Amino acid sequence: MSSLEVIQGTYAAFGEGDMEKLASLFADDWVGTVPDHMPNGRVYHGASDFIQNFLAKLTEVWPDFGLEPIGFYESGDTVFMHGKITAGGKTTETIHMCVAKDGKAVSWQPFDDTHSLISAAS
């Protein structure tokens, strides 16, 4: 599976609410970085940490949270997802930088409109 296919698979699994499938696409040493100033911002290690301590809490912070990929762009092992986020009645665009190696996602870093997301947080 190419890096692009792996990362597209992670977003598809998230969109379907299939956390088991999402976890299966993460490498054991996966790392995700959410900016410290964001709700639940910190570095996450592994699928369980990320799913339980970040994704499961998204709707506590933004009850109407939605993420819609617009496009995926691949450069070697790095894949950028351009997407639309809905939160707190606001819609913004985002870029997420993801890396996949050997058929597994190994890292994720969002470049969100943090001002809009923080102001929309419950």
N, C-alpha and C. Protein backbone atom coordinates (compact mmCIF):
# COMPACT_ATOMS: atom_id res chain seq x y z
N MET A 1 0.84 -1.17 0.00
CA MET A 1 0.00 0.00 0.00
C MET A 1 0.89 1.24 0.00
N SER A 2 0.60 2.19 -0.85
CA SER A 2 1.40 3.42 -0.93
C SER A 2 1.11 4.31 0.28
N SER A 3 1.99 5.28 0.51
CA SER A 3 1.78 6.24 1.59
C SER A 3 0.45 6.96 1.40
N LEU A 4 0.16 7.33 0.17
CA LEU A 4 -1.11 8.01 -0.12
C LEU A 4 -2.30 7.13 0.26
N GLU A 5 -2.27 5.87 -0.10
CA GLU A 5 -3.37 4.96 0.21
C GLU A 5 -3.52 4.76 1.72
N VAL A 6 -2.41 4.66 2.43
CA VAL A 6 -2.46 4.50 3.88
C VAL A 6 -3.14 5.70 4.51
N ILE A 7 -2.71 6.89 4.15
CA ILE A 7 -3.25 8.11 4.77
C ILE A 7 -4.71 8.31 4.36
N GLN A 8 -5.04 8.07 3.11
CA GLN A 8 -6.44 8.16 2.70
C GLN A 8 -7.28 7.17 3.52
N GLY A 9 -6.72 6.00 3.79
CA GLY A 9 -7.41 5.01 4.60
C GLY A 9 -7.66 5.48 6.02
N THR A 10 -6.69 6.21 6.60
CA THR A 10 -6.89 6.71 7.97
C THR A 10 -8.04 7.70 8.02
N TYR A 11 -8.12 8.59 7.04
CA TYR A 11 -9.20 9.58 7.02
C TYR A 11 -10.54 8.93 6.72
N ALA A 12 -10.55 7.92 5.86
CA ALA A 12 -11.78 7.18 5.58
C ALA A 12 -12.27 6.47 6.83
N ALA A 13 -11.37 5.81 7.56
CA ALA A 13 -11.74 5.11 8.78
C ALA A 13 -12.29 6.09 9.82
N PHE A 14 -11.63 7.24 9.98
CA PHE A 14 -12.11 8.26 10.90
C PHE A 14 -13.51 8.72 10.50
N GLY A 15 -13.69 9.00 9.22
CA GLY A 15 -14.99 9.46 8.72
C GLY A 15 -16.10 8.45 8.94
N GLU A 16 -15.76 7.18 8.90
CA GLU A 16 -16.74 6.11 9.11
C GLU A 16 -16.91 5.79 10.60
N GLY A 17 -16.08 6.40 11.45
CA GLY A 17 -16.13 6.11 12.87
C GLY A 17 -15.57 4.74 13.22
N ASP A 18 -14.74 4.18 12.33
CA ASP A 18 -14.17 2.85 12.53
C ASP A 18 -12.79 2.97 13.17
N MET A 19 -12.79 3.10 14.49
CA MET A 19 -11.54 3.32 15.21
C MET A 19 -10.64 2.07 15.19
N GLU A 20 -11.23 0.89 15.08
CA GLU A 20 -10.43 -0.33 14.98
C GLU A 20 -9.63 -0.33 13.68
N LYS A 21 -10.28 0.04 12.60
CA LYS A 21 -9.58 0.11 11.31
C LYS A 21 -8.53 1.21 11.35
N LEU A 22 -8.88 2.36 11.93
CA LEU A 22 -7.92 3.46 12.04
C LEU A 22 -6.68 2.98 12.79
N ALA A 23 -6.87 2.35 13.93
CA ALA A 23 -5.74 1.88 14.74
C ALA A 23 -4.88 0.89 13.96
N SER A 24 -5.49 0.07 13.12
CA SER A 24 -4.73 -0.92 12.36
C SER A 24 -3.80 -0.29 11.33
N LEU A 25 -4.05 0.97 10.99
CA LEU A 25 -3.23 1.67 10.00
C LEU A 25 -2.09 2.47 10.63
N PHE A 26 -2.03 2.49 11.97
CA PHE A 26 -0.98 3.21 12.68
C PHE A 26 0.18 2.27 13.00
N ALA A 27 1.40 2.76 12.82
CA ALA A 27 2.59 2.03 13.28
C ALA A 27 2.59 2.06 14.82
N ASP A 28 3.27 1.10 15.41
CA ASP A 28 3.35 1.04 16.87
C ASP A 28 3.97 2.31 17.46
N ASP A 29 4.89 2.92 16.72
CA ASP A 29 5.58 4.12 17.22
C ASP A 29 5.00 5.42 16.64
N TRP A 30 3.73 5.38 16.19
CA TRP A 30 3.07 6.56 15.63
C TRP A 30 3.10 7.71 16.63
N VAL A 31 3.29 8.94 16.10
CA VAL A 31 3.31 10.15 16.92
C VAL A 31 2.44 11.21 16.25
N GLY A 32 1.56 11.81 17.03
CA GLY A 32 0.73 12.92 16.55
C GLY A 32 0.92 14.12 17.44
N THR A 33 1.03 15.29 16.84
CA THR A 33 1.31 16.50 17.60
C THR A 33 0.18 17.51 17.41
N VAL A 34 -0.52 17.81 18.50
CA VAL A 34 -1.55 18.83 18.51
C VAL A 34 -0.95 20.02 19.26
N PRO A 35 -1.00 21.23 18.68
CA PRO A 35 -0.39 22.39 19.33
C PRO A 35 -0.83 22.53 20.79
N ASP A 36 0.11 22.87 21.67
CA ASP A 36 -0.14 22.97 23.11
C ASP A 36 -1.29 23.92 23.46
N HIS A 37 -1.47 24.97 22.69
CA HIS A 37 -2.49 25.97 23.03
C HIS A 37 -3.91 25.55 22.62
N MET A 38 -4.02 24.41 21.95
CA MET A 38 -5.33 23.89 21.54
C MET A 38 -5.94 23.04 22.66
N PRO A 39 -7.28 22.93 22.71
CA PRO A 39 -7.88 21.99 23.67
C PRO A 39 -7.30 20.60 23.42
N ASN A 40 -6.91 19.93 24.47
CA ASN A 40 -6.30 18.59 24.40
C ASN A 40 -4.98 18.59 23.63
N GLY A 41 -4.33 19.74 23.54
CA GLY A 41 -3.07 19.85 22.82
C GLY A 41 -1.93 19.20 23.57
N ARG A 42 -1.20 18.35 22.88
CA ARG A 42 0.00 17.69 23.40
C ARG A 42 0.49 16.72 22.33
N VAL A 43 1.54 15.99 22.63
CA VAL A 43 2.04 14.95 21.73
C VAL A 43 1.38 13.64 22.14
N TYR A 44 0.85 12.93 21.16
CA TYR A 44 0.19 11.63 21.37
C TYR A 44 1.09 10.54 20.81
N HIS A 45 1.15 9.44 21.54
CA HIS A 45 2.00 8.31 21.14
C HIS A 45 1.15 7.07 20.96
N GLY A 46 1.05 6.61 19.73
CA GLY A 46 0.32 5.38 19.44
C GLY A 46 -1.16 5.60 19.23
N ALA A 47 -1.77 4.60 18.58
CA ALA A 47 -3.19 4.69 18.22
C ALA A 47 -4.09 4.80 19.45
N SER A 48 -3.86 3.99 20.47
CA SER A 48 -4.74 4.00 21.64
C SER A 48 -4.74 5.36 22.33
N ASP A 49 -3.57 5.92 22.54
CA ASP A 49 -3.46 7.23 23.17
C ASP A 49 -4.22 8.27 22.37
N PHE A 50 -4.02 8.30 21.07
CA PHE A 50 -4.65 9.30 20.21
C PHE A 50 -6.17 9.11 20.15
N ILE A 51 -6.61 7.89 19.96
CA ILE A 51 -8.05 7.63 19.83
C ILE A 51 -8.77 7.91 21.14
N GLN A 52 -8.23 7.43 22.26
CA GLN A 52 -8.89 7.58 23.55
C GLN A 52 -8.79 8.99 24.13
N ASN A 53 -7.67 9.64 23.92
CA ASN A 53 -7.43 10.91 24.61
C ASN A 53 -7.56 12.14 23.72
N PHE A 54 -7.71 11.94 22.41
CA PHE A 54 -7.94 13.08 21.53
C PHE A 54 -9.23 12.90 20.73
N LEU A 55 -9.26 11.90 19.87
CA LEU A 55 -10.44 11.74 19.00
C LEU A 55 -11.72 11.53 19.79
N ALA A 56 -11.69 10.72 20.84
CA ALA A 56 -12.90 10.46 21.63
C ALA A 56 -13.41 11.71 22.33
N LYS A 57 -12.55 12.71 22.49
CA LYS A 57 -12.93 13.94 23.19
C LYS A 57 -13.28 15.09 22.26
N LEU A 58 -13.17 14.88 20.95
CA LEU A 58 -13.46 15.96 20.01
C LEU A 58 -14.86 16.52 20.19
N THR A 59 -15.86 15.64 20.33
CA THR A 59 -17.23 16.14 20.44
C THR A 59 -17.54 16.76 21.80
N GLU A 60 -16.69 16.52 22.80
CA GLU A 60 -16.83 17.24 24.08
C GLU A 60 -16.45 18.71 23.88
N VAL A 61 -15.45 18.93 23.06
CA VAL A 61 -14.95 20.29 22.82
C VAL A 61 -15.77 20.98 21.73
N TRP A 62 -16.07 20.24 20.66
CA TRP A 62 -16.84 20.74 19.52
C TRP A 62 -17.94 19.73 19.20
N PRO A 63 -19.15 19.89 19.78
CA PRO A 63 -20.22 18.90 19.57
C PRO A 63 -20.58 18.67 18.10
N ASP A 64 -20.39 19.66 17.26
CA ASP A 64 -20.74 19.52 15.84
C ASP A 64 -19.51 19.28 14.96
N PHE A 65 -18.41 18.79 15.54
CA PHE A 65 -17.16 18.64 14.79
C PHE A 65 -17.36 17.78 13.54
N GLY A 66 -16.80 18.28 12.45
CA GLY A 66 -16.79 17.52 11.21
C GLY A 66 -15.53 17.82 10.43
N LEU A 67 -15.01 16.81 9.75
CA LEU A 67 -13.82 16.95 8.91
C LEU A 67 -14.11 16.35 7.56
N GLU A 68 -13.92 17.13 6.52
CA GLU A 68 -14.17 16.67 5.16
C GLU A 68 -12.91 16.88 4.31
N PRO A 69 -12.23 15.80 3.96
CA PRO A 69 -11.07 15.96 3.07
C PRO A 69 -11.48 16.57 1.73
N ILE A 70 -10.68 17.50 1.26
CA ILE A 70 -10.87 18.11 -0.05
C ILE A 70 -9.92 17.48 -1.06
N GLY A 71 -8.67 17.24 -0.62
CA GLY A 71 -7.67 16.65 -1.51
C GLY A 71 -6.49 16.12 -0.73
N PHE A 72 -5.78 15.20 -1.35
CA PHE A 72 -4.57 14.61 -0.77
C PHE A 72 -3.42 14.84 -1.74
N TYR A 73 -2.25 15.18 -1.23
CA TYR A 73 -1.09 15.50 -2.05
C TYR A 73 0.12 14.75 -1.48
N GLU A 74 0.77 13.98 -2.31
CA GLU A 74 1.85 13.10 -1.87
C GLU A 74 3.20 13.63 -2.34
N SER A 75 4.17 13.58 -1.44
CA SER A 75 5.55 13.90 -1.76
C SER A 75 6.42 12.88 -1.03
N GLY A 76 6.79 11.83 -1.72
CA GLY A 76 7.54 10.75 -1.09
C GLY A 76 6.67 10.06 -0.06
N ASP A 77 7.19 9.92 1.18
CA ASP A 77 6.43 9.29 2.27
C ASP A 77 5.49 10.27 2.97
N THR A 78 5.56 11.55 2.60
CA THR A 78 4.74 12.58 3.24
C THR A 78 3.50 12.84 2.41
N VAL A 79 2.36 12.87 3.09
CA VAL A 79 1.08 13.13 2.44
C VAL A 79 0.43 14.31 3.16
N PHE A 80 -0.02 15.27 2.38
CA PHE A 80 -0.73 16.42 2.92
C PHE A 80 -2.21 16.26 2.60
N MET A 81 -3.04 16.46 3.63
CA MET A 81 -4.48 16.43 3.43
C MET A 81 -4.99 17.86 3.56
N HIS A 82 -5.65 18.33 2.51
CA HIS A 82 -6.31 19.63 2.55
C HIS A 82 -7.76 19.33 2.86
N GLY A 83 -8.29 19.97 3.90
CA GLY A 83 -9.66 19.64 4.29
C GLY A 83 -10.44 20.81 4.81
N LYS A 84 -11.71 20.53 5.06
CA LYS A 84 -12.64 21.51 5.61
C LYS A 84 -13.06 21.01 6.99
N ILE A 85 -12.94 21.88 7.99
CA ILE A 85 -13.35 21.56 9.36
C ILE A 85 -14.57 22.40 9.70
N THR A 86 -15.57 21.73 10.29
CA THR A 86 -16.72 22.43 10.84
C THR A 86 -16.68 22.22 12.35
N ALA A 87 -16.77 23.31 13.09
CA ALA A 87 -16.75 23.23 14.55
C ALA A 87 -17.38 24.50 15.12
N GLY A 88 -18.29 24.33 16.05
CA GLY A 88 -18.91 25.50 16.69
C GLY A 88 -19.65 26.38 15.71
N GLY A 89 -20.19 25.78 14.68
CA GLY A 89 -20.93 26.55 13.68
C GLY A 89 -20.04 27.30 12.70
N LYS A 90 -18.74 27.14 12.83
CA LYS A 90 -17.79 27.80 11.92
C LYS A 90 -17.19 26.77 10.98
N THR A 91 -16.82 27.21 9.79
CA THR A 91 -16.15 26.34 8.84
C THR A 91 -14.82 26.98 8.47
N THR A 92 -13.75 26.19 8.57
CA THR A 92 -12.42 26.66 8.21
C THR A 92 -11.75 25.59 7.35
N GLU A 93 -10.62 25.94 6.79
CA GLU A 93 -9.84 24.96 6.04
C GLU A 93 -8.59 24.61 6.82
N THR A 94 -8.03 23.45 6.52
CA THR A 94 -6.86 22.95 7.23
C THR A 94 -5.94 22.22 6.27
N ILE A 95 -4.73 22.06 6.71
CA ILE A 95 -3.75 21.18 6.08
C ILE A 95 -3.21 20.28 7.17
N HIS A 96 -3.19 18.98 6.93
CA HIS A 96 -2.57 18.03 7.86
C HIS A 96 -1.40 17.39 7.14
N MET A 97 -0.28 17.29 7.83
CA MET A 97 0.92 16.64 7.28
C MET A 97 1.06 15.28 7.94
N CYS A 98 1.08 14.25 7.11
CA CYS A 98 1.14 12.87 7.59
C CYS A 98 2.30 12.16 6.92
N VAL A 99 2.91 11.25 7.64
CA VAL A 99 3.99 10.44 7.07
C VAL A 99 3.61 8.97 7.24
N ALA A 100 3.83 8.20 6.18
CA ALA A 100 3.58 6.75 6.23
C ALA A 100 4.82 6.04 5.71
N LYS A 101 5.14 4.94 6.35
CA LYS A 101 6.27 4.10 5.93
C LYS A 101 5.90 2.64 6.12
N ASP A 102 6.31 1.82 5.18
CA ASP A 102 6.08 0.38 5.27
C ASP A 102 4.61 0.03 5.50
N GLY A 103 3.71 0.77 4.85
CA GLY A 103 2.29 0.46 4.92
C GLY A 103 1.58 0.91 6.18
N LYS A 104 2.21 1.76 6.99
CA LYS A 104 1.60 2.25 8.23
C LYS A 104 1.84 3.75 8.38
N ALA A 105 0.86 4.44 8.97
CA ALA A 105 1.03 5.85 9.30
C ALA A 105 2.00 5.94 10.47
N VAL A 106 2.98 6.86 10.39
CA VAL A 106 3.95 7.01 11.47
C VAL A 106 3.89 8.37 12.17
N SER A 107 3.30 9.37 11.51
CA SER A 107 3.18 10.67 12.18
C SER A 107 2.07 11.50 11.55
N TRP A 108 1.59 12.46 12.36
CA TRP A 108 0.50 13.35 11.94
C TRP A 108 0.68 14.69 12.64
N GLN A 109 0.53 15.76 11.89
CA GLN A 109 0.60 17.11 12.46
C GLN A 109 -0.39 17.99 11.72
N PRO A 110 -1.36 18.56 12.45
CA PRO A 110 -2.33 19.45 11.81
C PRO A 110 -1.82 20.89 11.77
N PHE A 111 -2.20 21.59 10.74
CA PHE A 111 -1.95 23.03 10.62
C PHE A 111 -3.32 23.67 10.45
N ASP A 112 -4.06 23.74 11.58
CA ASP A 112 -5.44 24.21 11.59
C ASP A 112 -5.50 25.72 11.81
N ASP A 113 -6.68 26.29 11.55
CA ASP A 113 -6.97 27.66 11.93
C ASP A 113 -7.29 27.63 13.42
N THR A 114 -6.24 27.64 14.24
CA THR A 114 -6.42 27.44 15.68
C THR A 114 -7.26 28.55 16.32
N HIS A 115 -7.16 29.76 15.82
CA HIS A 115 -7.96 30.86 16.39
C HIS A 115 -9.45 30.54 16.26
N SER A 116 -9.88 30.14 15.08
CA SER A 116 -11.29 29.81 14.88
C SER A 116 -11.71 28.63 15.72
N LEU A 117 -10.87 27.60 15.79
CA LEU A 117 -11.22 26.41 16.56
C LEU A 117 -11.29 26.70 18.06
N ILE A 118 -10.34 27.46 18.58
CA ILE A 118 -10.37 27.80 20.00
C ILE A 118 -11.60 28.65 20.33
N SER A 119 -11.92 29.60 19.47
CA SER A 119 -13.08 30.46 19.75
C SER A 119 -14.39 29.69 19.64
N ALA A 120 -14.40 28.57 18.92
CA ALA A 120 -15.61 27.75 18.77
C ALA A 120 -15.72 26.66 19.82
N ALA A 121 -14.68 26.48 20.64
CA ALA A 121 -14.66 25.41 21.63
C ALA A 121 -15.69 25.63 22.72
N SER A 122 -16.29 24.53 23.20
CA SER A 122 -17.27 24.60 24.30
C SER A 122 -16.56 24.85 25.61
